[in-house]
Protein backbone atom coordinates (compact mmCIF):
# COMPACT_ATOMS: atom_id res chain seq x y z
CA MET A 1 134.56 81.96 95.47
CA ILE A 2 131.68 81.30 93.07
CA LYS A 3 129.14 84.10 93.15
CA LYS A 4 125.49 83.09 93.50
CA LYS A 5 123.57 85.11 90.96
CA VAL A 6 119.84 85.52 90.61
CA SER A 7 117.65 87.38 88.17
CA VAL A 8 114.44 89.02 89.47
CA VAL A 9 111.40 89.52 87.27
CA CYS A 10 109.46 92.44 88.73
CA SER A 11 108.00 94.90 86.28
CA ASP A 12 108.40 98.65 86.82
CA GLN A 13 104.71 99.08 86.11
CA PHE A 14 103.83 97.63 89.54
CA GLY A 15 105.71 100.35 91.41
CA ALA A 16 108.96 100.87 93.26
CA GLU A 17 107.70 99.35 96.52
CA ARG A 18 107.39 95.87 95.01
CA ILE A 19 110.90 96.10 93.60
CA ILE A 20 112.44 97.41 96.84
CA ARG A 21 110.92 94.42 98.64
CA PHE A 22 113.42 92.21 96.76
CA PHE A 23 116.27 94.36 98.07
CA TYR A 24 115.20 93.77 101.67
CA PHE A 25 114.81 90.01 101.25
CA SER A 26 118.12 89.78 99.38
CA LYS A 27 119.90 91.63 102.17
CA PHE A 28 118.28 89.92 105.16
CA VAL A 29 116.86 86.54 104.05
CA TRP A 30 118.48 85.14 100.90
CA ASP A 31 122.19 84.44 100.36
CA TYR A 32 122.59 85.57 96.75
CA ASN A 33 125.60 87.71 95.90
CA GLU A 34 124.40 89.40 92.73
CA ILE A 35 120.79 90.36 92.12
CA LYS A 36 119.63 91.80 88.82
CA ILE A 37 116.20 93.44 88.58
CA CYS A 38 114.52 92.90 85.20
CA ASN A 39 111.18 93.40 83.50
CA GLU A 40 111.58 90.12 81.61
CA ILE A 41 113.41 86.82 82.04
CA ASP A 42 117.18 87.21 81.61
CA MET A 43 118.43 83.71 80.80
CA ASN A 44 122.00 84.90 80.26
CA PHE A 45 122.52 86.35 83.74
CA SER A 46 121.37 83.42 85.88
CA LYS A 47 119.62 80.07 85.71
CA THR A 48 117.70 80.96 88.87
CA ILE A 49 114.78 83.33 88.32
CA LEU A 50 112.83 85.00 91.12
CA VAL A 51 109.39 86.10 89.96
CA ASP A 52 107.18 88.66 91.68
CA ARG A 53 103.61 87.49 92.24
CA LYS A 54 102.08 90.17 90.02
CA SER A 55 104.62 89.76 87.24
CA ILE A 56 103.36 86.28 86.37
CA GLU A 57 100.41 88.00 84.69
CA ASN A 58 102.52 88.93 81.65
CA LEU A 59 105.27 86.33 81.84
CA LYS A 60 105.75 84.18 78.74
CA ILE A 61 106.86 80.64 79.59
CA SER A 62 107.93 78.05 77.03
CA ASP A 63 110.06 74.94 76.46
CA ASP A 64 113.06 77.28 76.18
CA HIS A 65 112.97 77.72 79.95
CA ARG A 66 113.34 74.06 80.94
CA ASP A 67 116.89 74.46 82.18
CA LEU A 68 115.90 77.31 84.52
CA LYS A 69 114.70 77.22 88.11
CA PHE A 70 111.84 79.56 88.98
CA ILE A 71 111.10 80.79 92.47
CA ILE A 72 107.67 82.41 92.62
CA CYS A 73 107.50 84.97 95.43
CA LEU A 74 104.05 84.84 96.99
CA TRP A 75 104.07 87.75 99.42
CA ASN A 76 100.59 87.01 100.78
CA GLY A 77 101.56 83.48 101.70
CA PHE A 78 99.04 80.69 101.32
CA PHE A 79 96.37 83.07 100.02
CA ASP A 80 98.54 83.75 96.97
CA TYR A 81 99.39 80.05 96.70
CA GLN A 82 95.67 79.25 96.38
CA ASN A 83 94.99 82.06 93.90
CA VAL A 84 93.46 80.84 90.63
CA GLU A 85 95.92 82.76 88.48
CA VAL A 86 98.89 81.49 90.48
CA ARG A 87 97.64 77.88 90.30
CA ALA A 88 97.28 78.17 86.52
CA PHE A 89 100.84 79.48 86.23
CA LEU A 90 102.24 76.71 88.44
CA ASN A 91 100.37 74.07 86.43
CA LYS A 92 101.90 75.46 83.27
CA LEU A 93 105.38 75.10 84.79
CA LYS A 94 104.55 71.52 85.80
CA ASN A 95 103.25 70.63 82.35
CA LEU A 96 106.42 72.00 80.76
CA LYS A 97 108.50 70.10 83.34
CA ILE A 98 110.15 73.31 84.53
CA ASN A 99 111.72 73.26 87.97
CA TYR A 100 110.10 75.67 90.43
CA LYS A 101 109.44 76.48 94.08
CA CYS A 102 107.06 78.91 95.74
CA PHE A 103 108.57 81.26 98.30
CA LEU A 104 106.13 81.99 101.13
CA PRO A 105 107.57 84.55 103.57
CA VAL A 106 104.72 83.84 106.01
CA LEU A 107 102.72 80.67 106.60
CA LEU A 108 101.11 78.41 109.19
CA ASP A 109 102.68 75.14 110.35
CA GLU A 110 100.17 73.10 108.34
CA HIS A 111 101.55 74.61 105.12
CA ARG A 112 105.10 73.34 105.73
CA LYS A 113 104.18 69.89 104.45
CA LEU A 114 103.69 71.20 100.91
CA ASP A 115 106.55 69.91 98.75
CA ASP A 116 106.72 72.87 96.35
CA ILE A 117 107.27 75.68 98.85
CA ILE A 118 110.23 77.23 100.62
CA TYR A 119 110.12 79.74 103.45
CA PRO A 120 112.56 81.85 105.51
CA GLU A 121 114.02 80.36 108.68
CA LYS A 122 115.60 83.46 110.20
CA ILE A 123 116.87 86.96 109.50
CA ILE A 124 120.50 87.10 108.36
CA VAL A 125 122.73 89.98 107.27
CA ASN A 126 124.14 89.45 103.79
CA ASN A 127 127.01 91.91 103.37
CA ASP A 128 128.41 90.31 100.22
CA ILE A 129 125.77 91.53 97.83
CA LYS A 130 125.56 93.60 94.66
CA PHE A 131 122.37 94.98 93.14
CA ILE A 132 122.05 95.56 89.41
CA SER A 133 119.08 97.81 88.84
CA ASN A 134 117.83 101.30 88.13
CA LYS A 135 119.94 103.74 90.19
CA LYS A 136 116.79 105.11 91.81
CA TYR A 137 116.09 101.78 93.53
CA GLN A 138 119.66 101.48 94.77
CA LEU A 139 119.45 105.00 96.21
CA MET A 140 116.13 104.17 97.91
CA PHE A 141 117.60 101.12 99.60
CA ASN A 142 121.26 102.01 100.21
CA TYR A 143 120.75 105.69 101.07
CA PRO A 144 117.13 105.90 102.23
CA ASN A 145 117.67 108.84 104.59
CA LEU A 146 119.01 110.98 101.76
CA PHE A 147 116.36 109.78 99.32
CA TYR A 148 113.41 110.53 101.60
CA PHE A 149 114.90 113.73 103.04
CA LEU A 150 114.98 115.12 99.51
CA ARG A 151 111.31 114.17 99.18
CA PHE A 152 110.07 115.96 102.31
CA TYR A 153 108.10 118.38 100.13
CA LYS A 154 105.82 115.49 99.15
CA ASN A 155 104.17 115.72 102.56
CA PRO A 156 105.98 118.34 104.68
CA LYS A 157 103.42 118.34 107.50
CA VAL A 158 103.76 114.60 108.16
CA PHE A 159 107.52 114.74 107.54
CA PHE A 160 108.26 117.35 110.22
CA LYS A 161 105.66 115.94 112.60
CA ASN A 162 107.45 112.58 112.68
CA LEU A 163 110.92 114.09 112.55
CA LEU A 164 110.36 116.22 115.65
CA GLU A 165 107.79 114.38 117.74
CA SER A 166 107.97 111.08 119.62
CA LYS A 167 105.02 108.73 119.25
CA ILE A 168 104.14 105.07 118.87
CA VAL A 169 103.46 104.60 115.17
CA PHE A 170 101.71 101.90 113.19
CA VAL A 171 101.59 101.82 109.40
CA GLY A 172 99.23 99.36 107.72
CA GLY A 173 95.71 97.98 107.67
CA GLY A 174 93.97 98.27 110.97
CA ILE A 175 90.81 100.18 111.79
CA LEU A 176 87.79 98.97 109.82
CA ASN A 177 85.49 101.55 108.24
CA GLU A 178 82.72 101.61 105.67
CA LYS A 179 85.17 101.84 102.79
CA SER A 180 87.44 98.99 103.90
CA VAL A 181 84.50 96.72 104.74
CA SER A 182 82.87 97.47 101.38
CA LYS A 183 86.14 96.58 99.62
CA PHE A 184 86.29 93.35 101.61
CA LEU A 185 82.72 92.46 100.63
CA ASP A 186 83.53 93.09 96.95
CA SER A 187 86.50 90.69 97.02
CA ASN A 188 86.38 87.07 95.88
CA ILE A 189 86.84 85.49 99.32
CA GLU A 190 84.38 83.07 100.93
CA ASP A 191 80.85 84.31 101.64
CA ASN A 192 81.10 83.17 105.26
CA ALA A 193 84.22 85.30 105.74
CA LYS A 194 82.39 88.31 104.31
CA LYS A 195 79.47 87.68 106.62
CA ILE A 196 81.76 87.51 109.66
CA ILE A 197 83.53 90.80 108.90
CA LYS A 198 80.32 92.64 108.08
CA GLU A 199 78.52 91.49 111.23
CA PHE A 200 81.55 92.14 113.43
CA TYR A 201 81.99 95.65 112.07
CA ASN A 202 78.31 96.52 112.51
CA PHE A 203 78.33 95.13 116.06
CA SER A 204 81.52 97.02 117.00
CA GLN A 205 80.00 100.32 115.90
CA SER A 206 77.11 100.17 118.35
CA ASN A 207 78.45 98.21 121.34
CA ARG A 208 80.85 98.79 124.19
CA ILE A 209 84.17 97.00 124.40
CA LYS A 210 82.95 94.53 127.04
CA ASN A 211 80.21 93.31 124.70
CA ILE A 212 82.65 93.13 121.80
CA PHE A 213 84.79 90.62 123.70
CA ILE A 214 81.71 88.51 124.49
CA TYR A 215 80.90 88.66 120.77
CA LEU A 216 84.41 87.49 119.80
CA LYS A 217 84.39 84.67 122.36
CA ASN A 218 81.16 83.37 120.89
CA LEU A 219 82.40 83.86 117.34
CA ILE A 220 85.49 81.65 117.62
CA GLU A 221 83.28 78.75 118.79
CA SER A 222 80.58 79.26 116.16
CA GLU A 223 79.89 76.89 113.27
CA LEU A 224 80.19 79.80 110.85
CA PHE A 225 83.74 80.59 111.97
CA LEU A 226 84.81 76.94 112.21
CA SER A 227 83.54 76.28 108.68
CA LEU A 228 86.44 78.34 107.32
CA SER A 229 90.01 77.19 106.77
CA THR A 230 92.55 77.73 109.53
CA THR A 231 94.33 80.27 107.33
CA ARG A 232 91.17 82.32 106.85
CA ARG A 233 90.27 82.17 110.54
CA PHE A 234 93.74 83.39 111.46
CA TYR A 235 93.42 86.24 108.96
CA LEU A 236 89.97 87.32 110.14
CA LEU A 237 90.92 87.34 113.81
CA HIS A 238 94.08 89.29 113.00
CA ARG A 239 92.02 91.98 111.27
CA MET A 240 89.43 92.12 114.04
CA PHE A 241 92.12 92.27 116.74
CA ARG A 242 93.72 95.21 114.97
CA HIS A 243 90.39 97.01 114.78
CA VAL A 244 89.76 96.56 118.49
CA LEU A 245 93.32 97.50 119.52
CA PHE A 246 93.66 100.60 117.36
CA SER A 247 90.13 101.81 118.11
CA SER A 248 91.32 102.02 121.70
CA MET A 249 94.83 103.31 121.01
CA ILE A 250 93.80 106.24 118.80
CA LYS A 251 92.33 107.87 121.92
CA PHE A 252 95.89 108.38 123.16
CA LYS A 253 97.80 111.50 122.22
CA ASN A 254 101.07 109.63 121.68
CA PHE A 255 99.82 107.03 119.23
CA GLN A 256 99.66 107.66 115.49
CA PHE A 257 97.97 105.36 112.98
CA TYR A 258 98.67 105.53 109.24
CA LEU A 259 96.77 103.29 106.86
CA ARG A 260 99.59 103.63 104.35
CA GLU A 261 102.57 105.90 103.80
CA TYR A 262 104.94 105.94 100.83
CA LYS A 263 105.96 109.57 100.38
CA ILE A 264 108.30 110.27 103.30
CA GLY A 265 109.68 106.77 104.02
CA LEU A 266 108.28 106.51 107.53
CA VAL A 267 109.32 102.84 107.90
CA ARG A 268 111.68 102.74 104.91
CA SER A 269 114.32 105.08 106.31
CA SER A 270 115.98 105.79 109.66
CA LEU A 271 115.04 109.46 109.77
CA TYR A 272 112.34 109.26 112.43
CA LYS A 273 114.21 107.78 115.38
CA ASN A 274 112.17 109.67 117.97
CA ASN A 275 109.26 107.33 117.21
CA TYR A 276 108.57 103.77 118.30
CA TYR A 277 107.11 101.37 115.76
CA LEU A 278 104.44 98.79 116.46
CA ASP A 279 104.64 95.38 114.78
CA LEU A 280 101.74 92.92 115.15
CA GLY A 281 103.01 90.40 112.60
CA SER A 282 101.39 89.39 109.33
CA SER A 283 97.72 88.45 109.04
CA ALA A 284 98.76 85.78 106.51
CA GLY A 285 100.82 83.72 108.93
CA PHE A 286 104.07 83.49 110.89
CA GLY A 287 107.45 84.24 109.41
CA ILE A 288 109.44 87.14 108.03
CA TYR A 289 107.57 89.73 106.02
CA ASP A 290 108.61 93.04 104.49
CA ARG A 291 107.52 95.22 107.42
CA SER A 292 109.55 93.15 109.89
CA LEU A 293 112.60 93.56 107.64
CA GLN A 294 112.05 97.30 107.28
CA LEU A 295 111.87 97.72 111.04
CA PHE A 296 114.89 95.43 111.53
CA LYS A 297 116.97 97.56 109.17
CA HIS A 298 115.87 101.02 110.28
CA TYR A 299 114.45 100.80 113.83
CA LYS A 300 115.84 97.64 115.36
CA ASN A 301 115.87 99.13 118.87
CA LYS A 302 112.64 101.13 118.52
CA ASN A 303 110.41 98.23 117.54
CA ILE A 304 107.47 97.10 119.73
CA ASN A 305 106.35 93.53 118.98
CA ILE A 306 102.97 92.37 120.23
CA GLU A 307 102.44 88.65 119.63
CA PHE A 308 98.78 87.92 120.18
CA PHE A 309 98.95 84.64 118.28
CA SER A 310 101.05 81.55 118.87
CA LYS A 311 101.77 78.75 116.43
CA ASP A 312 99.45 76.36 118.26
CA LEU A 313 96.61 78.68 117.13
CA ASP A 314 94.92 78.72 120.51
CA PHE A 315 92.54 81.56 119.69
CA GLU A 316 91.03 81.63 123.19
CA LYS A 317 94.48 82.37 124.60
CA SER A 318 94.99 85.02 121.91
CA LEU A 319 91.72 86.67 122.87
CA ARG A 320 92.76 86.78 126.53
CA LYS A 321 95.98 88.55 125.57
CA LEU A 322 94.07 91.19 123.61
CA GLU A 323 91.55 91.63 126.40
CA SER A 324 94.35 92.14 128.93
CA ILE A 325 95.85 95.01 126.93
CA ILE A 326 92.50 96.60 126.09
CA ASN A 327 91.45 96.60 129.74
CA LYS A 328 94.61 98.49 130.64
CA LEU A 329 94.11 100.99 127.83
CA GLU A 330 90.43 101.58 128.57
CA ASN A 331 91.02 101.90 132.31
CA THR A 332 93.64 104.60 131.78
CA SER A 333 91.76 107.88 132.08
CA ASN A 334 94.73 110.06 131.16
CA LYS A 335 95.03 109.75 127.39
CA ASN A 336 98.00 112.15 127.36
CA ILE A 337 100.42 109.78 129.09
CA SER A 338 104.02 109.65 127.89
CA VAL A 339 105.21 107.32 125.16
CA ASN A 340 107.10 105.22 127.70
CA ASN A 341 104.03 104.79 129.87
CA LEU A 342 101.94 103.88 126.84
CA ILE A 343 104.51 101.24 125.90
CA LYS A 344 104.14 99.72 129.38
CA LEU A 345 100.39 99.35 128.83
CA LEU A 346 101.06 97.34 125.66
CA LYS A 347 103.02 94.62 127.43
CA ILE A 348 101.17 91.31 127.66
């Protein structure tokens, strides 16, 4: 049997989490048999080169690479695909007549027509696989429980809290605050998108939930909202839905929200099996993203999926789903209900 080899360009300087992402996709999405993690292009190992989005910043491309095939991994989907730096890199590959594809783990249906992208169809389990990398990364992926158990001292309070208690947990962007909104306003996205987030956040801070839903219903029909691309509208609603949902859920004793967590491997190990893990999908589109793979590997039977959005992008229907859950949460006076009863409230 001929082994399918691939070389991955993902610099150590961007952190272990970006590198480990390739382990998850190699194990559960791609069908390569040998994966070598490198800081630079290794032409001798494989003619297929996977490139991390951030690593294109320092990648030197020349005529010497014409017999290679590059696969650029754009983890933020179409947003990365549209990025000025990414477009410049892709144009350079085109000008040099170098074969390439862009891997988008998440996307909308309208993006599938692009002829230079590939995307995952389903989760697989690739058992015939060998990683060639720093031993630390192999330990993190192959023996995550041991790796993160030995790191409990990094955050012992959170470690033992999650080891011993049973809660519904969400890790990721969610509740808007002054800092996150300010960061959003300082980004290079469209002015209309900035205006929408700023006005929504200000409104949500001084109005009751009933008025917030009236606000959102009017927003999705407004000229301002409709002036944006479908991808941006999907993203904005995703962020606003999270804010509304988690602002309600944090009132419950058995829900725990973490903006980010890297020290104890909360979703990167199987140590915390008393918990249930909430998955709302990616705000960049539909598909298979790193969090879904982490939960598939470590908490396959403790995963709570809430699908507010459907591929037909009927945002009115999405809003009704959110409103249904929020009404149940807000109408529950006992905020100390059990985890199982809280899970029941989250069913659409």
